[in-house]
Amino acid sequence: FTDFVSKLRSEHDLTVLMIEHDMK
């Protein structure tokens, strides 16, 4: 899923805001 979020930005030109607990 982490790789997928990076792909969202690069391929869909998206800006992303996440709430997340996993520090990795």
mmCIF file of all heavy atoms, coordinates in Angstrom:
data_MODEL
# 
_entry.id   MODEL 
# 
loop_
_atom_site.group_PDB 
_atom_site.id 
_atom_site.type_symbol 
_atom_site.label_atom_id 
_atom_site.label_alt_id 
_atom_site.label_comp_id 
_atom_site.label_asym_id 
_atom_site.label_entity_id 
_atom_site.label_seq_id 
_atom_site.pdbx_PDB_ins_code 
_atom_site.Cartn_x 
_atom_site.Cartn_y 
_atom_site.Cartn_z 
_atom_site.occupancy 
_atom_site.B_iso_or_equiv 
_atom_site.pdbx_formal_charge 
_atom_site.auth_seq_id 
_atom_site.auth_comp_id 
_atom_site.auth_asym_id 
_atom_site.auth_atom_id 
_atom_site.pdbx_PDB_model_num 
ATOM 1   N N   . PHE A 1 1  ? 0.834  -1.202 0.000   1.00 0.00 ? 1  PHE A N   1 
ATOM 2   C CA  . PHE A 1 1  ? 0.000  0.000  0.000   1.00 0.00 ? 1  PHE A CA  1 
ATOM 3   C C   . PHE A 1 1  ? 0.871  1.256  0.000   1.00 0.00 ? 1  PHE A C   1 
ATOM 4   O O   . PHE A 1 1  ? 0.522  2.260  -0.635  1.00 0.00 ? 1  PHE A O   1 
ATOM 5   C CB  . PHE A 1 1  ? -0.941 0.004  1.207   1.00 0.00 ? 1  PHE A CB  1 
ATOM 6   C CG  . PHE A 1 1  ? -2.085 0.975  1.060   1.00 0.00 ? 1  PHE A CG  1 
ATOM 7   C CD1 . PHE A 1 1  ? -3.267 0.584  0.458   1.00 0.00 ? 1  PHE A CD1 1 
ATOM 8   C CD2 . PHE A 1 1  ? -1.970 2.284  1.499   1.00 0.00 ? 1  PHE A CD2 1 
ATOM 9   C CE1 . PHE A 1 1  ? -4.316 1.472  0.295   1.00 0.00 ? 1  PHE A CE1 1 
ATOM 10  C CE2 . PHE A 1 1  ? -3.010 3.185  1.341   1.00 0.00 ? 1  PHE A CE2 1 
ATOM 11  C CZ  . PHE A 1 1  ? -4.191 2.773  0.742   1.00 0.00 ? 1  PHE A CZ  1 
ATOM 12  N N   . THR A 1 2  ? 1.992  1.215  0.678   1.00 0.00 ? 2  THR A N   1 
ATOM 13  C CA  . THR A 1 2  ? 2.919  2.354  0.688   1.00 0.00 ? 2  THR A CA  1 
ATOM 14  C C   . THR A 1 2  ? 3.405  2.651  -0.729  1.00 0.00 ? 2  THR A C   1 
ATOM 15  O O   . THR A 1 2  ? 3.435  3.809  -1.169  1.00 0.00 ? 2  THR A O   1 
ATOM 16  C CB  . THR A 1 2  ? 4.108  2.070  1.614   1.00 0.00 ? 2  THR A CB  1 
ATOM 17  O OG1 . THR A 1 2  ? 3.626  1.803  2.938   1.00 0.00 ? 2  THR A OG1 1 
ATOM 18  C CG2 . THR A 1 2  ? 5.049  3.260  1.674   1.00 0.00 ? 2  THR A CG2 1 
ATOM 19  N N   . ASP A 1 3  ? 3.775  1.603  -1.464  1.00 0.00 ? 3  ASP A N   1 
ATOM 20  C CA  . ASP A 1 3  ? 4.188  1.779  -2.857  1.00 0.00 ? 3  ASP A CA  1 
ATOM 21  C C   . ASP A 1 3  ? 3.040  2.343  -3.692  1.00 0.00 ? 3  ASP A C   1 
ATOM 22  O O   . ASP A 1 3  ? 3.250  3.179  -4.581  1.00 0.00 ? 3  ASP A O   1 
ATOM 23  C CB  . ASP A 1 3  ? 4.645  0.449  -3.451  1.00 0.00 ? 3  ASP A CB  1 
ATOM 24  C CG  . ASP A 1 3  ? 5.954  -0.048 -2.833  1.00 0.00 ? 3  ASP A CG  1 
ATOM 25  O OD1 . ASP A 1 3  ? 6.684  0.777  -2.255  1.00 0.00 ? 3  ASP A OD1 1 
ATOM 26  O OD2 . ASP A 1 3  ? 6.215  -1.260 -2.928  1.00 0.00 ? 3  ASP A OD2 1 
ATOM 27  N N   . PHE A 1 4  ? 1.840  1.885  -3.389  1.00 0.00 ? 4  PHE A N   1 
ATOM 28  C CA  . PHE A 1 4  ? 0.654  2.330  -4.118  1.00 0.00 ? 4  PHE A CA  1 
ATOM 29  C C   . PHE A 1 4  ? 0.412  3.827  -3.918  1.00 0.00 ? 4  PHE A C   1 
ATOM 30  O O   . PHE A 1 4  ? 0.089  4.548  -4.869  1.00 0.00 ? 4  PHE A O   1 
ATOM 31  C CB  . PHE A 1 4  ? -0.552 1.518  -3.644  1.00 0.00 ? 4  PHE A CB  1 
ATOM 32  C CG  . PHE A 1 4  ? -1.872 1.959  -4.215  1.00 0.00 ? 4  PHE A CG  1 
ATOM 33  C CD1 . PHE A 1 4  ? -2.070 1.998  -5.585  1.00 0.00 ? 4  PHE A CD1 1 
ATOM 34  C CD2 . PHE A 1 4  ? -2.907 2.330  -3.380  1.00 0.00 ? 4  PHE A CD2 1 
ATOM 35  C CE1 . PHE A 1 4  ? -3.292 2.405  -6.112  1.00 0.00 ? 4  PHE A CE1 1 
ATOM 36  C CE2 . PHE A 1 4  ? -4.124 2.726  -3.891  1.00 0.00 ? 4  PHE A CE2 1 
ATOM 37  C CZ  . PHE A 1 4  ? -4.318 2.764  -5.267  1.00 0.00 ? 4  PHE A CZ  1 
ATOM 38  N N   . VAL A 1 5  ? 0.595  4.317  -2.693  1.00 0.00 ? 5  VAL A N   1 
ATOM 39  C CA  . VAL A 1 5  ? 0.401  5.753  -2.428  1.00 0.00 ? 5  VAL A CA  1 
ATOM 40  C C   . VAL A 1 5  ? 1.411  6.576  -3.221  1.00 0.00 ? 5  VAL A C   1 
ATOM 41  O O   . VAL A 1 5  ? 1.068  7.619  -3.788  1.00 0.00 ? 5  VAL A O   1 
ATOM 42  C CB  . VAL A 1 5  ? 0.510  6.049  -0.920  1.00 0.00 ? 5  VAL A CB  1 
ATOM 43  C CG1 . VAL A 1 5  ? 0.496  7.555  -0.662  1.00 0.00 ? 5  VAL A CG1 1 
ATOM 44  C CG2 . VAL A 1 5  ? -0.645 5.400  -0.160  1.00 0.00 ? 5  VAL A CG2 1 
ATOM 45  N N   . SER A 1 6  ? 2.643  6.105  -3.287  1.00 0.00 ? 6  SER A N   1 
ATOM 46  C CA  . SER A 1 6  ? 3.648  6.806  -4.097  1.00 0.00 ? 6  SER A CA  1 
ATOM 47  C C   . SER A 1 6  ? 3.242  6.833  -5.565  1.00 0.00 ? 6  SER A C   1 
ATOM 48  O O   . SER A 1 6  ? 3.437  7.839  -6.265  1.00 0.00 ? 6  SER A O   1 
ATOM 49  C CB  . SER A 1 6  ? 5.013  6.121  -3.954  1.00 0.00 ? 6  SER A CB  1 
ATOM 50  O OG  . SER A 1 6  ? 5.485  6.216  -2.624  1.00 0.00 ? 6  SER A OG  1 
ATOM 51  N N   . LYS A 1 7  ? 2.655  5.740  -6.031  1.00 0.00 ? 7  LYS A N   1 
ATOM 52  C CA  . LYS A 1 7  ? 2.201  5.657  -7.425  1.00 0.00 ? 7  LYS A CA  1 
ATOM 53  C C   . LYS A 1 7  ? 1.041  6.621  -7.686  1.00 0.00 ? 7  LYS A C   1 
ATOM 54  O O   . LYS A 1 7  ? 0.924  7.176  -8.786  1.00 0.00 ? 7  LYS A O   1 
ATOM 55  C CB  . LYS A 1 7  ? 1.788  4.217  -7.752  1.00 0.00 ? 7  LYS A CB  1 
ATOM 56  C CG  . LYS A 1 7  ? 1.551  3.973  -9.233  1.00 0.00 ? 7  LYS A CG  1 
ATOM 57  C CD  . LYS A 1 7  ? 1.418  2.495  -9.548  1.00 0.00 ? 7  LYS A CD  1 
ATOM 58  C CE  . LYS A 1 7  ? 0.084  1.937  -9.090  1.00 0.00 ? 7  LYS A CE  1 
ATOM 59  N NZ  . LYS A 1 7  ? -0.204 0.600  -9.687  1.00 0.00 ? 7  LYS A NZ  1 
ATOM 60  N N   . LEU A 1 8  ? 0.195  6.826  -6.677  1.00 0.00 ? 8  LEU A N   1 
ATOM 61  C CA  . LEU A 1 8  ? -0.914 7.773  -6.824  1.00 0.00 ? 8  LEU A CA  1 
ATOM 62  C C   . LEU A 1 8  ? -0.396 9.163  -7.155  1.00 0.00 ? 8  LEU A C   1 
ATOM 63  O O   . LEU A 1 8  ? -0.939 9.859  -8.019  1.00 0.00 ? 8  LEU A O   1 
ATOM 64  C CB  . LEU A 1 8  ? -1.737 7.833  -5.532  1.00 0.00 ? 8  LEU A CB  1 
ATOM 65  C CG  . LEU A 1 8  ? -2.631 6.650  -5.201  1.00 0.00 ? 8  LEU A CG  1 
ATOM 66  C CD1 . LEU A 1 8  ? -3.256 6.836  -3.818  1.00 0.00 ? 8  LEU A CD1 1 
ATOM 67  C CD2 . LEU A 1 8  ? -3.716 6.480  -6.242  1.00 0.00 ? 8  LEU A CD2 1 
ATOM 68  N N   . ARG A 1 9  ? 0.665  9.573  -6.470  1.00 0.00 ? 9  ARG A N   1 
ATOM 69  C CA  . ARG A 1 9  ? 1.224  10.892 -6.726  1.00 0.00 ? 9  ARG A CA  1 
ATOM 70  C C   . ARG A 1 9  ? 1.880  10.949 -8.099  1.00 0.00 ? 9  ARG A C   1 
ATOM 71  O O   . ARG A 1 9  ? 1.652  11.883 -8.865  1.00 0.00 ? 9  ARG A O   1 
ATOM 72  C CB  . ARG A 1 9  ? 2.240  11.276 -5.658  1.00 0.00 ? 9  ARG A CB  1 
ATOM 73  C CG  . ARG A 1 9  ? 2.982  12.566 -6.035  1.00 0.00 ? 9  ARG A CG  1 
ATOM 74  C CD  . ARG A 1 9  ? 3.765  13.166 -4.918  1.00 0.00 ? 9  ARG A CD  1 
ATOM 75  N NE  . ARG A 1 9  ? 4.827  12.311 -4.388  1.00 0.00 ? 9  ARG A NE  1 
ATOM 76  C CZ  . ARG A 1 9  ? 5.662  12.703 -3.430  1.00 0.00 ? 9  ARG A CZ  1 
ATOM 77  N NH1 . ARG A 1 9  ? 5.526  13.909 -2.907  1.00 0.00 ? 9  ARG A NH1 1 
ATOM 78  N NH2 . ARG A 1 9  ? 6.590  11.900 -2.978  1.00 0.00 ? 9  ARG A NH2 1 
ATOM 79  N N   . SER A 1 10 ? 2.675  9.954  -8.423  1.00 0.00 ? 10 SER A N   1 
ATOM 80  C CA  . SER A 1 10 ? 3.457  10.020 -9.655  1.00 0.00 ? 10 SER A CA  1 
ATOM 81  C C   . SER A 1 10 ? 2.611  9.820  -10.907 1.00 0.00 ? 10 SER A C   1 
ATOM 82  O O   . SER A 1 10 ? 2.846  10.472 -11.934 1.00 0.00 ? 10 SER A O   1 
ATOM 83  C CB  . SER A 1 10 ? 4.579  8.970  -9.626  1.00 0.00 ? 10 SER A CB  1 
ATOM 84  O OG  . SER A 1 10 ? 4.050  7.657  -9.524  1.00 0.00 ? 10 SER A OG  1 
ATOM 85  N N   . GLU A 1 11 ? 1.595  8.952  -10.831 1.00 0.00 ? 11 GLU A N   1 
ATOM 86  C CA  . GLU A 1 11 ? 0.823  8.619  -12.032 1.00 0.00 ? 11 GLU A CA  1 
ATOM 87  C C   . GLU A 1 11 ? -0.508 9.363  -12.129 1.00 0.00 ? 11 GLU A C   1 
ATOM 88  O O   . GLU A 1 11 ? -1.051 9.507  -13.221 1.00 0.00 ? 11 GLU A O   1 
ATOM 89  C CB  . GLU A 1 11 ? 0.590  7.108  -12.095 1.00 0.00 ? 11 GLU A CB  1 
ATOM 90  C CG  . GLU A 1 11 ? 1.875  6.305  -12.230 1.00 0.00 ? 11 GLU A CG  1 
ATOM 91  C CD  . GLU A 1 11 ? 1.636  4.837  -12.479 1.00 0.00 ? 11 GLU A CD  1 
ATOM 92  O OE1 . GLU A 1 11 ? 0.526  4.469  -12.905 1.00 0.00 ? 11 GLU A OE1 1 
ATOM 93  O OE2 . GLU A 1 11 ? 2.575  4.036  -12.233 1.00 0.00 ? 11 GLU A OE2 1 
ATOM 94  N N   . HIS A 1 12 ? -1.040 9.816  -11.003 1.00 0.00 ? 12 HIS A N   1 
ATOM 95  C CA  . HIS A 1 12 ? -2.318 10.533 -11.032 1.00 0.00 ? 12 HIS A CA  1 
ATOM 96  C C   . HIS A 1 12 ? -2.156 12.005 -10.664 1.00 0.00 ? 12 HIS A C   1 
ATOM 97  O O   . HIS A 1 12 ? -3.155 12.721 -10.557 1.00 0.00 ? 12 HIS A O   1 
ATOM 98  C CB  . HIS A 1 12 ? -3.331 9.870  -10.076 1.00 0.00 ? 12 HIS A CB  1 
ATOM 99  C CG  . HIS A 1 12 ? -4.121 8.777  -10.722 1.00 0.00 ? 12 HIS A CG  1 
ATOM 100 N ND1 . HIS A 1 12 ? -5.451 8.907  -11.042 1.00 0.00 ? 12 HIS A ND1 1 
ATOM 101 C CD2 . HIS A 1 12 ? -3.762 7.544  -11.130 1.00 0.00 ? 12 HIS A CD2 1 
ATOM 102 C CE1 . HIS A 1 12 ? -5.882 7.795  -11.600 1.00 0.00 ? 12 HIS A CE1 1 
ATOM 103 N NE2 . HIS A 1 12 ? -4.876 6.950  -11.663 1.00 0.00 ? 12 HIS A NE2 1 
ATOM 104 N N   . ASP A 1 13 ? -0.905 12.443 -10.460 1.00 0.00 ? 13 ASP A N   1 
ATOM 105 C CA  . ASP A 1 13 ? -0.634 13.846 -10.136 1.00 0.00 ? 13 ASP A CA  1 
ATOM 106 C C   . ASP A 1 13 ? -1.451 14.304 -8.929  1.00 0.00 ? 13 ASP A C   1 
ATOM 107 O O   . ASP A 1 13 ? -2.015 15.394 -8.910  1.00 0.00 ? 13 ASP A O   1 
ATOM 108 C CB  . ASP A 1 13 ? -0.938 14.730 -11.352 1.00 0.00 ? 13 ASP A CB  1 
ATOM 109 C CG  . ASP A 1 13 ? -0.330 16.122 -11.214 1.00 0.00 ? 13 ASP A CG  1 
ATOM 110 O OD1 . ASP A 1 13 ? 0.691  16.252 -10.510 1.00 0.00 ? 13 ASP A OD1 1 
ATOM 111 O OD2 . ASP A 1 13 ? -0.892 17.079 -11.783 1.00 0.00 ? 13 ASP A OD2 1 
ATOM 112 N N   . LEU A 1 14 ? -1.513 13.435 -7.920  1.00 0.00 ? 14 LEU A N   1 
ATOM 113 C CA  . LEU A 1 14 ? -2.324 13.718 -6.740  1.00 0.00 ? 14 LEU A CA  1 
ATOM 114 C C   . LEU A 1 14 ? -1.484 14.295 -5.605  1.00 0.00 ? 14 LEU A C   1 
ATOM 115 O O   . LEU A 1 14 ? -0.308 13.976 -5.461  1.00 0.00 ? 14 LEU A O   1 
ATOM 116 C CB  . LEU A 1 14 ? -2.992 12.437 -6.229  1.00 0.00 ? 14 LEU A CB  1 
ATOM 117 C CG  . LEU A 1 14 ? -4.333 12.045 -6.831  1.00 0.00 ? 14 LEU A CG  1 
ATOM 118 C CD1 . LEU A 1 14 ? -4.777 10.714 -6.240  1.00 0.00 ? 14 LEU A CD1 1 
ATOM 119 C CD2 . LEU A 1 14 ? -5.383 13.100 -6.572  1.00 0.00 ? 14 LEU A CD2 1 
ATOM 120 N N   . THR A 1 15 ? -2.120 15.108 -4.800  1.00 0.00 ? 15 THR A N   1 
ATOM 121 C CA  . THR A 1 15 ? -1.583 15.551 -3.515  1.00 0.00 ? 15 THR A CA  1 
ATOM 122 C C   . THR A 1 15 ? -2.246 14.688 -2.453  1.00 0.00 ? 15 THR A C   1 
ATOM 123 O O   . THR A 1 15 ? -3.457 14.426 -2.535  1.00 0.00 ? 15 THR A O   1 
ATOM 124 C CB  . THR A 1 15 ? -1.889 17.035 -3.286  1.00 0.00 ? 15 THR A CB  1 
ATOM 125 O OG1 . THR A 1 15 ? -1.354 17.789 -4.377  1.00 0.00 ? 15 THR A OG1 1 
ATOM 126 C CG2 . THR A 1 15 ? -1.296 17.525 -1.983  1.00 0.00 ? 15 THR A CG2 1 
ATOM 127 N N   . VAL A 1 16 ? -1.486 14.232 -1.471  1.00 0.00 ? 16 VAL A N   1 
ATOM 128 C CA  . VAL A 1 16 ? -2.008 13.264 -0.498  1.00 0.00 ? 16 VAL A CA  1 
ATOM 129 C C   . VAL A 1 16 ? -1.791 13.767 0.925   1.00 0.00 ? 16 VAL A C   1 
ATOM 130 O O   . VAL A 1 16 ? -0.709 14.241 1.273   1.00 0.00 ? 16 VAL A O   1 
ATOM 131 C CB  . VAL A 1 16 ? -1.327 11.885 -0.665  1.00 0.00 ? 16 VAL A CB  1 
ATOM 132 C CG1 . VAL A 1 16 ? -1.858 10.889 0.373   1.00 0.00 ? 16 VAL A CG1 1 
ATOM 133 C CG2 . VAL A 1 16 ? -1.543 11.339 -2.077  1.00 0.00 ? 16 VAL A CG2 1 
ATOM 134 N N   . LEU A 1 17 ? -2.840 13.643 1.743   1.00 0.00 ? 17 LEU A N   1 
ATOM 135 C CA  . LEU A 1 17 ? -2.745 13.875 3.187   1.00 0.00 ? 17 LEU A CA  1 
ATOM 136 C C   . LEU A 1 17 ? -3.159 12.596 3.893   1.00 0.00 ? 17 LEU A C   1 
ATOM 137 O O   . LEU A 1 17 ? -4.241 12.064 3.631   1.00 0.00 ? 17 LEU A O   1 
ATOM 138 C CB  . LEU A 1 17 ? -3.650 15.028 3.624   1.00 0.00 ? 17 LEU A CB  1 
ATOM 139 C CG  . LEU A 1 17 ? -3.788 15.248 5.144   1.00 0.00 ? 17 LEU A CG  1 
ATOM 140 C CD1 . LEU A 1 17 ? -2.441 15.592 5.772   1.00 0.00 ? 17 LEU A CD1 1 
ATOM 141 C CD2 . LEU A 1 17 ? -4.815 16.336 5.448   1.00 0.00 ? 17 LEU A CD2 1 
ATOM 142 N N   . MET A 1 18 ? -2.301 12.095 4.770   1.00 0.00 ? 18 MET A N   1 
ATOM 143 C CA  . MET A 1 18 ? -2.572 10.843 5.479   1.00 0.00 ? 18 MET A CA  1 
ATOM 144 C C   . MET A 1 18 ? -2.580 11.031 6.981   1.00 0.00 ? 18 MET A C   1 
ATOM 145 O O   . MET A 1 18 ? -1.744 11.751 7.523   1.00 0.00 ? 18 MET A O   1 
ATOM 146 C CB  . MET A 1 18 ? -1.498 9.792  5.168   1.00 0.00 ? 18 MET A CB  1 
ATOM 147 C CG  . MET A 1 18 ? -1.469 9.244  3.783   1.00 0.00 ? 18 MET A CG  1 
ATOM 148 S SD  . MET A 1 18 ? -0.455 7.722  3.756   1.00 0.00 ? 18 MET A SD  1 
ATOM 149 C CE  . MET A 1 18 ? 1.068  8.274  4.528   1.00 0.00 ? 18 MET A CE  1 
ATOM 150 N N   . ILE A 1 19 ? -3.525 10.372 7.650   1.00 0.00 ? 19 ILE A N   1 
ATOM 151 C CA  . ILE A 1 19 ? -3.389 10.079 9.074   1.00 0.00 ? 19 ILE A CA  1 
ATOM 152 C C   . ILE A 1 19 ? -2.816 8.676  9.151   1.00 0.00 ? 19 ILE A C   1 
ATOM 153 O O   . ILE A 1 19 ? -3.345 7.750  8.527   1.00 0.00 ? 19 ILE A O   1 
ATOM 154 C CB  . ILE A 1 19 ? -4.753 10.118 9.800   1.00 0.00 ? 19 ILE A CB  1 
ATOM 155 C CG1 . ILE A 1 19 ? -5.314 11.539 9.841   1.00 0.00 ? 19 ILE A CG1 1 
ATOM 156 C CG2 . ILE A 1 19 ? -4.616 9.569  11.220  1.00 0.00 ? 19 ILE A CG2 1 
ATOM 157 C CD1 . ILE A 1 19 ? -6.710 11.610 10.452  1.00 0.00 ? 19 ILE A CD1 1 
ATOM 158 N N   . GLU A 1 20 ? -1.737 8.514  9.871   1.00 0.00 ? 20 GLU A N   1 
ATOM 159 C CA  . GLU A 1 20 ? -1.084 7.208  9.896   1.00 0.00 ? 20 GLU A CA  1 
ATOM 160 C C   . GLU A 1 20 ? -0.359 7.001  11.221  1.00 0.00 ? 20 GLU A C   1 
ATOM 161 O O   . GLU A 1 20 ? 0.178  7.942  11.798  1.00 0.00 ? 20 GLU A O   1 
ATOM 162 C CB  . GLU A 1 20 ? -0.100 7.106  8.720   1.00 0.00 ? 20 GLU A CB  1 
ATOM 163 C CG  . GLU A 1 20 ? 0.575  5.768  8.561   1.00 0.00 ? 20 GLU A CG  1 
ATOM 164 C CD  . GLU A 1 20 ? -0.392 4.607  8.487   1.00 0.00 ? 20 GLU A CD  1 
ATOM 165 O OE1 . GLU A 1 20 ? -1.154 4.508  7.506   1.00 0.00 ? 20 GLU A OE1 1 
ATOM 166 O OE2 . GLU A 1 20 ? -0.399 3.802  9.434   1.00 0.00 ? 20 GLU A OE2 1 
ATOM 167 N N   . HIS A 1 21 ? -0.378 5.754  11.711  1.00 0.00 ? 21 HIS A N   1 
ATOM 168 C CA  . HIS A 1 21 ? 0.331  5.413  12.952  1.00 0.00 ? 21 HIS A CA  1 
ATOM 169 C C   . HIS A 1 21 ? 1.638  4.676  12.695  1.00 0.00 ? 21 HIS A C   1 
ATOM 170 O O   . HIS A 1 21 ? 2.529  4.676  13.545  1.00 0.00 ? 21 HIS A O   1 
ATOM 171 C CB  . HIS A 1 21 ? -0.561 4.545  13.860  1.00 0.00 ? 21 HIS A CB  1 
ATOM 172 C CG  . HIS A 1 21 ? -1.529 5.336  14.678  1.00 0.00 ? 21 HIS A CG  1 
ATOM 173 N ND1 . HIS A 1 21 ? -2.884 5.327  14.455  1.00 0.00 ? 21 HIS A ND1 1 
ATOM 174 C CD2 . HIS A 1 21 ? -1.328 6.178  15.715  1.00 0.00 ? 21 HIS A CD2 1 
ATOM 175 C CE1 . HIS A 1 21 ? -3.478 6.135  15.328  1.00 0.00 ? 21 HIS A CE1 1 
ATOM 176 N NE2 . HIS A 1 21 ? -2.557 6.656  16.106  1.00 0.00 ? 21 HIS A NE2 1 
ATOM 177 N N   . ASP A 1 22 ? 1.743  4.028  11.546  1.00 0.00 ? 22 ASP A N   1 
ATOM 178 C CA  . ASP A 1 22 ? 2.919  3.219  11.246  1.00 0.00 ? 22 ASP A CA  1 
ATOM 179 C C   . ASP A 1 22 ? 4.078  4.140  10.868  1.00 0.00 ? 22 ASP A C   1 
ATOM 180 O O   . ASP A 1 22 ? 4.094  4.749  9.796   1.00 0.00 ? 22 ASP A O   1 
ATOM 181 C CB  . ASP A 1 22 ? 2.606  2.252  10.101  1.00 0.00 ? 22 ASP A CB  1 
ATOM 182 C CG  . ASP A 1 22 ? 3.697  1.210  9.894   1.00 0.00 ? 22 ASP A CG  1 
ATOM 183 O OD1 . ASP A 1 22 ? 4.885  1.569  10.012  1.00 0.00 ? 22 ASP A OD1 1 
ATOM 184 O OD2 . ASP A 1 22 ? 3.362  0.045  9.608   1.00 0.00 ? 22 ASP A OD2 1 
ATOM 185 N N   . MET A 1 23 ? 5.089  4.223  11.740  1.00 0.00 ? 23 MET A N   1 
ATOM 186 C CA  . MET A 1 23 ? 6.184  5.157  11.512  1.00 0.00 ? 23 MET A CA  1 
ATOM 187 C C   . MET A 1 23 ? 7.057  4.757  10.323  1.00 0.00 ? 23 MET A C   1 
ATOM 188 O O   . MET A 1 23 ? 7.680  5.607  9.690   1.00 0.00 ? 23 MET A O   1 
ATOM 189 C CB  . MET A 1 23 ? 7.041  5.300  12.772  1.00 0.00 ? 23 MET A CB  1 
ATOM 190 C CG  . MET A 1 23 ? 6.357  6.047  13.905  1.00 0.00 ? 23 MET A CG  1 
ATOM 191 S SD  . MET A 1 23 ? 5.691  7.663  13.387  1.00 0.00 ? 23 MET A SD  1 
ATOM 192 C CE  . MET A 1 23 ? 7.179  8.539  12.920  1.00 0.00 ? 23 MET A CE  1 
ATOM 193 N N   . LYS A 1 24 ? 7.095  3.466  9.980   1.00 0.00 ? 24 LYS A N   1 
ATOM 194 C CA  . LYS A 1 24 ? 7.834  3.061  8.784   1.00 0.00 ? 24 LYS A CA  1 
ATOM 195 C C   . LYS A 1 24 ? 7.197  3.673  7.538   1.00 0.00 ? 24 LYS A C   1 
ATOM 196 O O   . LYS A 1 24 ? 7.892  4.113  6.618   1.00 0.00 ? 24 LYS A O   1 
ATOM 197 C CB  . LYS A 1 24 ? 7.862  1.533  8.670   1.00 0.00 ? 24 LYS A CB  1 
ATOM 198 C CG  . LYS A 1 24 ? 8.806  0.853  9.644   1.00 0.00 ? 24 LYS A CG  1 
ATOM 199 C CD  . LYS A 1 24 ? 8.868  -0.635 9.382   1.00 0.00 ? 24 LYS A CD  1 
ATOM 200 C CE  . LYS A 1 24 ? 9.837  -1.316 10.349  1.00 0.00 ? 24 LYS A CE  1 
ATOM 201 N NZ  . LYS A 1 24 ? 9.891  -2.789 10.102  1.00 0.00 ? 24 LYS A NZ  1 
# 
